[in-house]
Amino acid sequence: MFVDGTVALDLRRRAGGRGAWIHPDASCLDKAERRRAFARALRVPGPLDTGTLRRGLEQLDHRVTGLGSSRTGLDNESRSTRHESAVKLKP
């Protein structure tokens, strides 16, 4: 499935091939990128493009919290564990 090196969300968890899990939180994505976790988890050489993944997580976050709504009162840790997302290499 590694064609163009792009990592994409697989919210339905139906895409074939290897996958990885990530919390829908920018800090988790930043940490995974720093540690090169996607390349290791997906067993591919070289850098991967996570721009599509970042945009997808931002859209997912807007759907969960609603545009313009306040997150005060949400426990960020518990929210992220309930809403883990699968990622796959985009064909």
N, C-alpha and C. Protein backbone atom coordinates (compact mmCIF):
# COMPACT_ATOMS: atom_id res chain seq x y z
N MET A 1 0.80 -1.20 0.00
CA MET A 1 0.00 0.00 0.00
C MET A 1 0.85 1.26 0.00
N PHE A 2 2.12 1.13 0.17
CA PHE A 2 3.00 2.29 0.19
C PHE A 2 3.26 2.73 -1.24
N VAL A 3 2.60 3.82 -1.64
CA VAL A 3 2.78 4.30 -3.00
C VAL A 3 3.43 5.67 -3.00
N ASP A 4 2.81 6.60 -2.32
CA ASP A 4 3.32 7.96 -2.36
C ASP A 4 3.82 8.47 -1.01
N GLY A 5 3.83 7.65 0.00
CA GLY A 5 4.35 8.06 1.30
C GLY A 5 3.43 8.95 2.10
N THR A 6 2.14 8.93 1.80
CA THR A 6 1.18 9.75 2.51
C THR A 6 0.44 8.90 3.53
N VAL A 7 0.34 9.40 4.76
CA VAL A 7 -0.39 8.71 5.82
C VAL A 7 -1.78 9.34 5.90
N ALA A 8 -2.83 8.52 5.92
CA ALA A 8 -4.20 9.02 5.95
C ALA A 8 -5.00 8.31 7.04
N LEU A 9 -6.06 8.97 7.49
CA LEU A 9 -6.96 8.38 8.48
C LEU A 9 -7.76 7.24 7.86
N ASP A 10 -8.01 6.23 8.63
CA ASP A 10 -8.88 5.13 8.24
C ASP A 10 -9.91 4.98 9.37
N LEU A 11 -10.85 5.90 9.42
CA LEU A 11 -11.80 5.94 10.53
C LEU A 11 -12.68 4.70 10.62
N ARG A 12 -12.95 4.06 9.50
CA ARG A 12 -13.78 2.85 9.51
C ARG A 12 -12.96 1.60 9.79
N ARG A 13 -11.63 1.75 9.79
CA ARG A 13 -10.71 0.63 10.05
C ARG A 13 -10.94 -0.52 9.07
N ARG A 14 -11.09 -0.18 7.80
CA ARG A 14 -11.38 -1.18 6.77
C ARG A 14 -10.27 -1.30 5.72
N ALA A 15 -9.37 -0.35 5.65
CA ALA A 15 -8.32 -0.39 4.63
C ALA A 15 -7.39 -1.57 4.89
N GLY A 16 -6.91 -2.16 3.83
CA GLY A 16 -6.00 -3.29 3.97
C GLY A 16 -4.60 -2.85 4.33
N GLY A 17 -3.80 -3.79 4.71
CA GLY A 17 -2.40 -3.49 5.03
C GLY A 17 -2.17 -3.14 6.48
N ARG A 18 -0.93 -2.75 6.76
CA ARG A 18 -0.54 -2.40 8.13
C ARG A 18 -1.17 -1.08 8.54
N GLY A 19 -1.38 -0.93 9.83
CA GLY A 19 -1.96 0.30 10.36
C GLY A 19 -1.26 0.72 11.63
N ALA A 20 -1.67 1.84 12.16
CA ALA A 20 -1.16 2.37 13.41
C ALA A 20 -2.30 3.11 14.09
N TRP A 21 -2.15 3.38 15.38
CA TRP A 21 -3.16 4.11 16.13
C TRP A 21 -2.57 5.43 16.61
N ILE A 22 -3.43 6.44 16.67
CA ILE A 22 -3.01 7.73 17.19
C ILE A 22 -4.22 8.41 17.84
N HIS A 23 -3.97 9.11 18.94
CA HIS A 23 -5.02 9.92 19.53
C HIS A 23 -5.25 11.15 18.66
N PRO A 24 -6.47 11.61 18.52
CA PRO A 24 -6.74 12.78 17.67
C PRO A 24 -6.35 14.07 18.37
N ASP A 25 -5.09 14.21 18.64
CA ASP A 25 -4.56 15.35 19.36
C ASP A 25 -3.27 15.79 18.68
N ALA A 26 -3.14 17.08 18.42
CA ALA A 26 -1.96 17.59 17.71
C ALA A 26 -0.67 17.25 18.44
N SER A 27 -0.69 17.26 19.76
CA SER A 27 0.53 16.97 20.50
C SER A 27 0.95 15.50 20.32
N CYS A 28 -0.02 14.60 20.23
CA CYS A 28 0.30 13.18 19.97
C CYS A 28 0.88 13.00 18.58
N LEU A 29 0.33 13.72 17.61
CA LEU A 29 0.86 13.65 16.25
C LEU A 29 2.28 14.21 16.20
N ASP A 30 2.50 15.33 16.87
CA ASP A 30 3.84 15.92 16.92
C ASP A 30 4.85 14.95 17.52
N LYS A 31 4.45 14.31 18.60
CA LYS A 31 5.34 13.34 19.27
C LYS A 31 5.63 12.15 18.36
N ALA A 32 4.61 11.64 17.68
CA ALA A 32 4.80 10.50 16.77
C ALA A 32 5.73 10.88 15.62
N GLU A 33 5.61 12.11 15.11
CA GLU A 33 6.49 12.55 14.03
C GLU A 33 7.93 12.67 14.53
N ARG A 34 8.12 13.25 15.70
CA ARG A 34 9.48 13.39 16.26
C ARG A 34 10.15 12.03 16.45
N ARG A 35 9.38 11.06 16.88
CA ARG A 35 9.92 9.72 17.15
C ARG A 35 9.96 8.82 15.92
N ARG A 36 9.49 9.34 14.79
CA ARG A 36 9.40 8.56 13.54
C ARG A 36 8.60 7.26 13.75
N ALA A 37 7.54 7.39 14.53
CA ALA A 37 6.74 6.23 14.90
C ALA A 37 5.97 5.64 13.73
N PHE A 38 5.53 6.47 12.79
CA PHE A 38 4.73 5.95 11.68
C PHE A 38 5.56 5.06 10.76
N ALA A 39 6.74 5.49 10.42
CA ALA A 39 7.60 4.68 9.55
C ALA A 39 7.90 3.34 10.22
N ARG A 40 8.14 3.36 11.51
CA ARG A 40 8.44 2.13 12.24
C ARG A 40 7.19 1.23 12.32
N ALA A 41 6.04 1.81 12.68
CA ALA A 41 4.81 1.02 12.83
C ALA A 41 4.32 0.47 11.50
N LEU A 42 4.48 1.26 10.44
CA LEU A 42 3.99 0.84 9.13
C LEU A 42 5.06 0.09 8.33
N ARG A 43 6.24 -0.03 8.92
CA ARG A 43 7.37 -0.77 8.33
C ARG A 43 7.71 -0.29 6.93
N VAL A 44 7.94 1.01 6.81
CA VAL A 44 8.36 1.59 5.54
C VAL A 44 9.63 2.40 5.76
N PRO A 45 10.50 2.46 4.78
CA PRO A 45 11.71 3.27 4.91
C PRO A 45 11.43 4.74 4.60
N GLY A 46 12.22 5.59 5.17
CA GLY A 46 12.16 7.01 4.83
C GLY A 46 11.04 7.78 5.48
N PRO A 47 11.01 9.07 5.19
CA PRO A 47 10.00 9.94 5.80
C PRO A 47 8.62 9.74 5.16
N LEU A 48 7.59 10.05 5.94
CA LEU A 48 6.21 9.94 5.47
C LEU A 48 5.55 11.31 5.53
N ASP A 49 4.66 11.58 4.60
CA ASP A 49 3.92 12.83 4.57
C ASP A 49 2.72 12.71 5.51
N THR A 50 2.68 13.50 6.57
CA THR A 50 1.58 13.46 7.53
C THR A 50 0.66 14.68 7.42
N GLY A 51 0.82 15.48 6.38
CA GLY A 51 -0.03 16.66 6.20
C GLY A 51 -1.50 16.31 6.07
N THR A 52 -1.80 15.28 5.28
CA THR A 52 -3.19 14.84 5.12
C THR A 52 -3.74 14.33 6.44
N LEU A 53 -2.92 13.60 7.18
CA LEU A 53 -3.32 13.09 8.49
C LEU A 53 -3.62 14.24 9.44
N ARG A 54 -2.76 15.25 9.47
CA ARG A 54 -2.95 16.40 10.36
C ARG A 54 -4.27 17.11 10.04
N ARG A 55 -4.53 17.34 8.76
CA ARG A 55 -5.79 17.99 8.36
C ARG A 55 -7.00 17.12 8.74
N GLY A 56 -6.88 15.82 8.55
CA GLY A 56 -7.97 14.92 8.92
C GLY A 56 -8.25 14.92 10.40
N LEU A 57 -7.19 14.95 11.22
CA LEU A 57 -7.38 15.00 12.67
C LEU A 57 -8.00 16.32 13.10
N GLU A 58 -7.61 17.41 12.44
CA GLU A 58 -8.22 18.71 12.75
C GLU A 58 -9.71 18.70 12.43
N GLN A 59 -10.08 18.12 11.29
CA GLN A 59 -11.50 18.03 10.93
C GLN A 59 -12.25 17.14 11.91
N LEU A 60 -11.64 16.04 12.31
CA LEU A 60 -12.24 15.14 13.28
C LEU A 60 -12.45 15.87 14.60
N ASP A 61 -11.48 16.66 15.01
CA ASP A 61 -11.58 17.41 16.25
C ASP A 61 -12.72 18.42 16.18
N HIS A 62 -12.91 19.05 15.02
CA HIS A 62 -14.01 20.01 14.87
C HIS A 62 -15.36 19.31 14.95
N ARG A 63 -15.44 18.09 14.43
CA ARG A 63 -16.71 17.36 14.51
C ARG A 63 -17.01 16.93 15.94
N VAL A 64 -15.97 16.57 16.71
CA VAL A 64 -16.16 16.12 18.09
C VAL A 64 -16.53 17.29 18.99
N THR A 65 -15.82 18.42 18.84
CA THR A 65 -16.04 19.55 19.74
C THR A 65 -17.02 20.56 19.17
N GLY A 66 -17.25 20.57 17.86
CA GLY A 66 -18.11 21.56 17.23
C GLY A 66 -17.33 22.83 16.98
N LEU A 67 -17.57 23.47 15.86
CA LEU A 67 -16.85 24.71 15.54
C LEU A 67 -17.18 25.79 16.54
N GLY A 68 -16.17 26.42 17.04
CA GLY A 68 -16.35 27.54 17.95
C GLY A 68 -16.72 27.15 19.37
N SER A 69 -16.87 25.88 19.67
CA SER A 69 -17.25 25.51 21.02
C SER A 69 -16.03 25.50 21.92
N SER A 70 -16.27 25.64 23.18
CA SER A 70 -15.19 25.68 24.16
C SER A 70 -14.87 24.28 24.64
N ARG A 71 -13.62 24.01 24.87
CA ARG A 71 -13.21 22.71 25.37
C ARG A 71 -13.01 22.73 26.88
N THR A 72 -13.24 23.85 27.53
CA THR A 72 -13.05 23.90 28.98
C THR A 72 -13.99 22.93 29.63
N GLY A 73 -13.76 22.14 30.45
CA GLY A 73 -14.68 21.18 31.00
C GLY A 73 -14.49 19.79 30.40
N LEU A 74 -13.79 19.69 29.28
CA LEU A 74 -13.46 18.38 28.74
C LEU A 74 -12.12 17.95 29.28
N ASP A 75 -12.03 16.76 29.73
CA ASP A 75 -10.75 16.20 30.16
C ASP A 75 -10.05 15.71 28.91
N ASN A 76 -9.00 16.39 28.49
CA ASN A 76 -8.34 16.09 27.23
C ASN A 76 -7.83 14.66 27.17
N GLU A 77 -7.32 14.14 28.27
CA GLU A 77 -6.78 12.77 28.25
C GLU A 77 -7.88 11.75 28.04
N SER A 78 -9.00 11.87 28.76
CA SER A 78 -10.06 10.89 28.60
C SER A 78 -10.72 11.01 27.24
N ARG A 79 -10.84 12.24 26.71
CA ARG A 79 -11.42 12.44 25.39
C ARG A 79 -10.59 11.73 24.34
N SER A 80 -9.27 11.85 24.43
CA SER A 80 -8.42 11.27 23.40
C SER A 80 -8.40 9.75 23.47
N THR A 81 -8.52 9.16 24.63
CA THR A 81 -8.50 7.70 24.69
C THR A 81 -9.81 7.12 24.17
N ARG A 82 -10.90 7.84 24.26
CA ARG A 82 -12.16 7.35 23.74
C ARG A 82 -12.24 7.48 22.23
N HIS A 83 -11.43 8.35 21.66
CA HIS A 83 -11.53 8.65 20.24
C HIS A 83 -10.21 8.39 19.53
N GLU A 84 -9.62 7.22 19.76
CA GLU A 84 -8.42 6.86 19.00
C GLU A 84 -8.78 6.70 17.54
N SER A 85 -7.84 6.98 16.67
CA SER A 85 -8.09 6.87 15.25
C SER A 85 -7.04 5.96 14.61
N ALA A 86 -7.46 5.22 13.62
CA ALA A 86 -6.54 4.37 12.88
C ALA A 86 -5.97 5.17 11.73
N VAL A 87 -4.71 4.93 11.42
CA VAL A 87 -4.08 5.55 10.25
C VAL A 87 -3.52 4.46 9.37
N LYS A 88 -3.56 4.71 8.08
CA LYS A 88 -3.00 3.78 7.10
C LYS A 88 -2.27 4.57 6.05
N LEU A 89 -1.40 3.91 5.33
CA LEU A 89 -0.75 4.53 4.18
C LEU A 89 -1.79 4.70 3.10
N LYS A 90 -1.84 5.86 2.52
CA LYS A 90 -2.82 6.16 1.48
C LYS A 90 -2.37 5.54 0.16
N PRO A 91 -3.25 4.75 -0.48
CA PRO A 91 -2.84 4.11 -1.74
C PRO A 91 -2.73 5.10 -2.87
